[in-house]
């Protein structure tokens, strides 16, 4: 499952970040909000490079982070966590990842300190990423049939304490 999830996740994550980027560009044209240079500044801090603005550095972090986190969503999908609820759970993972790297490097501040409009825009874009990534990851995982979690759930509909785990298999 891990090997399969790597390729599927990178693809799903790249599609998700591309969709998010298009949504961001549309939003920026409507609101006049400038480009964010936070991703590039985070990379500069993590790699101990000068913090001058670099479009290449900014895009590499933007797309690289999306591709890597897509692997998490593909793992979810291959395990059987699919659909809108799983994508909602994944949105929290995406937001948490951003906040860890931004706050740990001193580039960002905790979201509760942000202006509400800025927070709403960030949440919207991260949800666009999470749901687009989820749609691709779910579609790719579905080609291999139901995941172990879905198989377990199918043993007896509903949640029951007397339904044991699935037998071990070599997947």
Protein backbone atom coordinates (compact mmCIF):
# COMPACT_ATOMS: atom_id res chain seq x y z
CA UNK A 1 0.00 0.00 0.00
CA UNK A 2 2.86 2.39 0.80
CA UNK A 3 4.55 2.04 -2.58
CA UNK A 4 1.26 2.51 -4.43
CA UNK A 5 0.41 5.52 -2.26
CA UNK A 6 3.69 7.28 -3.03
CA UNK A 7 3.05 7.65 -6.74
CA UNK A 8 -0.67 8.23 -6.36
CA UNK A 9 -0.09 10.80 -3.63
CA UNK A 10 2.48 12.83 -5.51
CA UNK A 11 0.16 12.97 -8.52
CA UNK A 12 -2.90 13.80 -6.40
CA UNK A 13 -0.98 16.43 -4.44
CA UNK A 14 0.35 18.11 -7.60
CA UNK A 15 -3.16 18.24 -9.06
CA UNK A 16 -4.47 19.62 -5.76
CA UNK A 17 -1.84 22.34 -5.55
CA UNK A 18 -2.43 23.28 -9.21
CA UNK A 19 -6.17 23.64 -8.55
CA UNK A 20 -5.43 25.65 -5.39
CA UNK A 21 -3.05 27.91 -7.30
CA UNK A 22 -5.67 28.64 -9.97
CA UNK A 23 -8.20 29.41 -7.22
CA UNK A 24 -5.68 31.71 -5.53
CA UNK A 25 -5.01 33.60 -8.76
CA UNK A 26 -8.74 34.09 -9.34
CA UNK A 27 -9.22 35.26 -5.73
CA UNK A 28 -6.23 37.66 -6.04
CA UNK A 29 -7.69 39.25 -9.16
CA UNK A 30 -10.98 39.80 -7.34
CA UNK A 31 -9.56 40.99 -4.01
CA UNK A 32 -6.30 42.61 -5.11
CA UNK A 33 -4.37 40.53 -2.56
CA UNK A 34 -0.67 40.23 -3.49
CA UNK A 35 1.26 36.96 -3.85
CA UNK A 36 2.45 35.36 -0.63
CA UNK A 37 6.19 34.92 -0.22
CA UNK A 38 5.85 32.86 2.95
CA UNK A 39 6.67 29.48 1.32
CA UNK A 40 9.93 30.77 -0.13
CA UNK A 41 10.90 32.47 3.12
CA UNK A 42 10.27 29.21 5.01
CA UNK A 43 12.59 27.36 2.61
CA UNK A 44 15.23 30.06 3.01
CA UNK A 45 15.08 29.71 6.79
CA UNK A 46 15.10 25.89 6.69
CA UNK A 47 18.11 25.81 4.35
CA UNK A 48 19.92 28.78 5.90
CA UNK A 49 19.84 30.76 2.65
CA UNK A 50 19.46 34.50 2.15
CA UNK A 51 15.83 35.54 2.51
CA UNK A 52 15.60 37.49 -0.72
CA UNK A 53 12.43 36.84 -2.67
CA UNK A 54 12.82 34.03 -5.16
CA UNK A 55 9.93 32.93 -7.36
CA UNK A 56 11.62 29.56 -7.96
CA UNK A 57 12.10 28.96 -4.23
CA UNK A 58 8.52 30.02 -3.51
CA UNK A 59 7.07 27.71 -6.18
CA UNK A 60 9.30 24.80 -5.17
CA UNK A 61 8.00 24.95 -1.60
CA UNK A 62 4.41 25.57 -2.75
CA UNK A 63 4.34 22.59 -5.12
CA UNK A 64 6.76 20.40 -3.15
CA UNK A 65 4.74 20.67 0.03
CA UNK A 66 1.54 19.91 -1.88
CA UNK A 67 3.08 16.86 -3.58
CA UNK A 68 4.50 15.44 -0.34
CA UNK A 69 1.31 15.95 1.62
CA UNK A 70 -0.62 14.31 -1.21
CA UNK A 71 1.06 11.06 -0.14
CA UNK A 72 -0.72 11.32 3.21
CA UNK A 73 -4.06 11.67 1.43
CA UNK A 74 -3.28 8.72 -0.85
CA UNK A 75 -2.43 6.62 2.20
CA UNK A 76 -5.78 7.59 3.67
CA UNK A 77 -7.59 6.64 0.45
CA UNK A 78 -5.78 3.32 0.09
CA UNK A 79 -6.56 2.47 3.72
CA UNK A 80 -10.25 3.08 3.01
CA UNK A 81 -10.64 6.66 4.25
CA UNK A 82 -12.30 8.21 1.22
CA UNK A 83 -14.84 10.86 0.35
CA UNK A 84 -15.65 14.33 1.66
CA UNK A 85 -15.20 13.43 5.34
CA UNK A 86 -11.70 12.12 4.66
CA UNK A 87 -10.90 15.24 2.63
CA UNK A 88 -12.14 17.39 5.52
CA UNK A 89 -9.84 15.49 7.88
CA UNK A 90 -7.00 16.00 5.41
CA UNK A 91 -7.63 19.76 5.26
CA UNK A 92 -6.70 19.88 8.95
CA UNK A 93 -3.47 17.99 8.17
CA UNK A 94 -2.62 20.50 5.43
CA UNK A 95 -3.29 23.49 7.67
CA UNK A 96 -1.35 21.94 10.55
CA UNK A 97 1.66 21.26 8.33
CA UNK A 98 1.75 24.88 7.18
CA UNK A 99 1.48 26.17 10.72
CA UNK A 100 4.24 23.92 12.02
CA UNK A 101 6.81 24.98 9.41
CA UNK A 102 5.79 28.64 9.40
CA UNK A 103 5.72 29.02 13.18
CA UNK A 104 8.82 26.88 13.83
CA UNK A 105 10.86 29.06 11.46
CA UNK A 106 9.43 32.31 12.81
CA UNK A 107 8.02 33.20 9.40
CA UNK A 108 4.38 32.91 10.47
CA UNK A 109 2.23 33.50 13.48
CA UNK A 110 -0.54 31.34 14.97
CA UNK A 111 -3.77 31.62 12.94
CA UNK A 112 -5.77 32.92 15.92
CA UNK A 113 -3.65 36.11 15.70
CA UNK A 114 -4.42 36.75 12.03
CA UNK A 115 -6.99 39.20 10.69
CA UNK A 116 -10.21 37.22 10.17
CA UNK A 117 -10.43 37.97 6.44
CA UNK A 118 -6.88 36.71 5.88
CA UNK A 119 -7.62 33.57 7.88
CA UNK A 120 -10.80 32.90 5.89
CA UNK A 121 -8.92 33.19 2.59
CA UNK A 122 -6.19 30.81 3.77
CA UNK A 123 -8.74 28.29 5.04
CA UNK A 124 -10.63 28.46 1.75
CA UNK A 125 -7.52 27.80 -0.34
CA UNK A 126 -6.31 24.94 1.87
CA UNK A 127 -9.76 23.34 1.64
CA UNK A 128 -9.68 23.68 -2.16
CA UNK A 129 -6.32 21.88 -2.10
CA UNK A 130 -7.55 19.18 0.30
CA UNK A 131 -10.73 18.38 -1.62
CA UNK A 132 -9.07 18.45 -5.06
CA UNK A 133 -6.24 16.24 -3.78
CA UNK A 134 -8.80 13.96 -2.16
CA UNK A 135 -10.85 13.57 -5.31
CA UNK A 136 -7.79 12.45 -7.27
CA UNK A 137 -6.44 10.22 -4.48
CA UNK A 138 -9.84 8.58 -4.00
CA UNK A 139 -10.25 7.92 -7.73
CA UNK A 140 -6.78 6.39 -7.99
CA UNK A 141 -7.24 4.24 -4.86
CA UNK A 142 -10.67 3.04 -6.04
CA UNK A 143 -9.00 1.33 -9.00
CA UNK A 144 -7.63 -1.18 -6.47
CA UNK A 145 -11.01 -1.83 -4.86
CA UNK A 146 -12.06 -1.12 -1.30
CA UNK A 147 -9.38 -0.41 1.27
CA UNK A 148 -8.95 -2.46 4.44
CA UNK A 149 -11.07 -0.03 6.45
CA UNK A 150 -13.90 -0.29 3.94
CA UNK A 151 -13.62 -4.07 3.92
CA UNK A 152 -13.79 -4.14 7.70
CA UNK A 153 -16.83 -1.86 7.69
CA UNK A 154 -18.55 -4.16 5.19
CA UNK A 155 -18.30 -7.15 7.55
CA UNK A 156 -21.23 -5.81 9.52
CA UNK A 157 -22.76 -2.40 8.73
CA UNK A 158 -22.65 0.07 11.58
CA UNK A 159 -20.11 0.24 14.37
CA UNK A 160 -19.97 -2.88 16.52
CA UNK A 161 -17.46 -3.83 19.20
CA UNK A 162 -17.80 -7.54 18.47
CA UNK A 163 -16.44 -7.31 14.91
CA UNK A 164 -12.77 -8.22 15.06
CA UNK A 165 -10.07 -7.09 12.66
CA UNK A 166 -9.66 -8.44 9.16
CA UNK A 167 -7.26 -11.37 8.84
CA UNK A 168 -3.71 -10.42 7.90
CA UNK A 169 -2.91 -10.49 4.19
CA UNK A 170 0.17 -9.74 2.13
CA UNK A 171 -0.75 -6.54 0.34
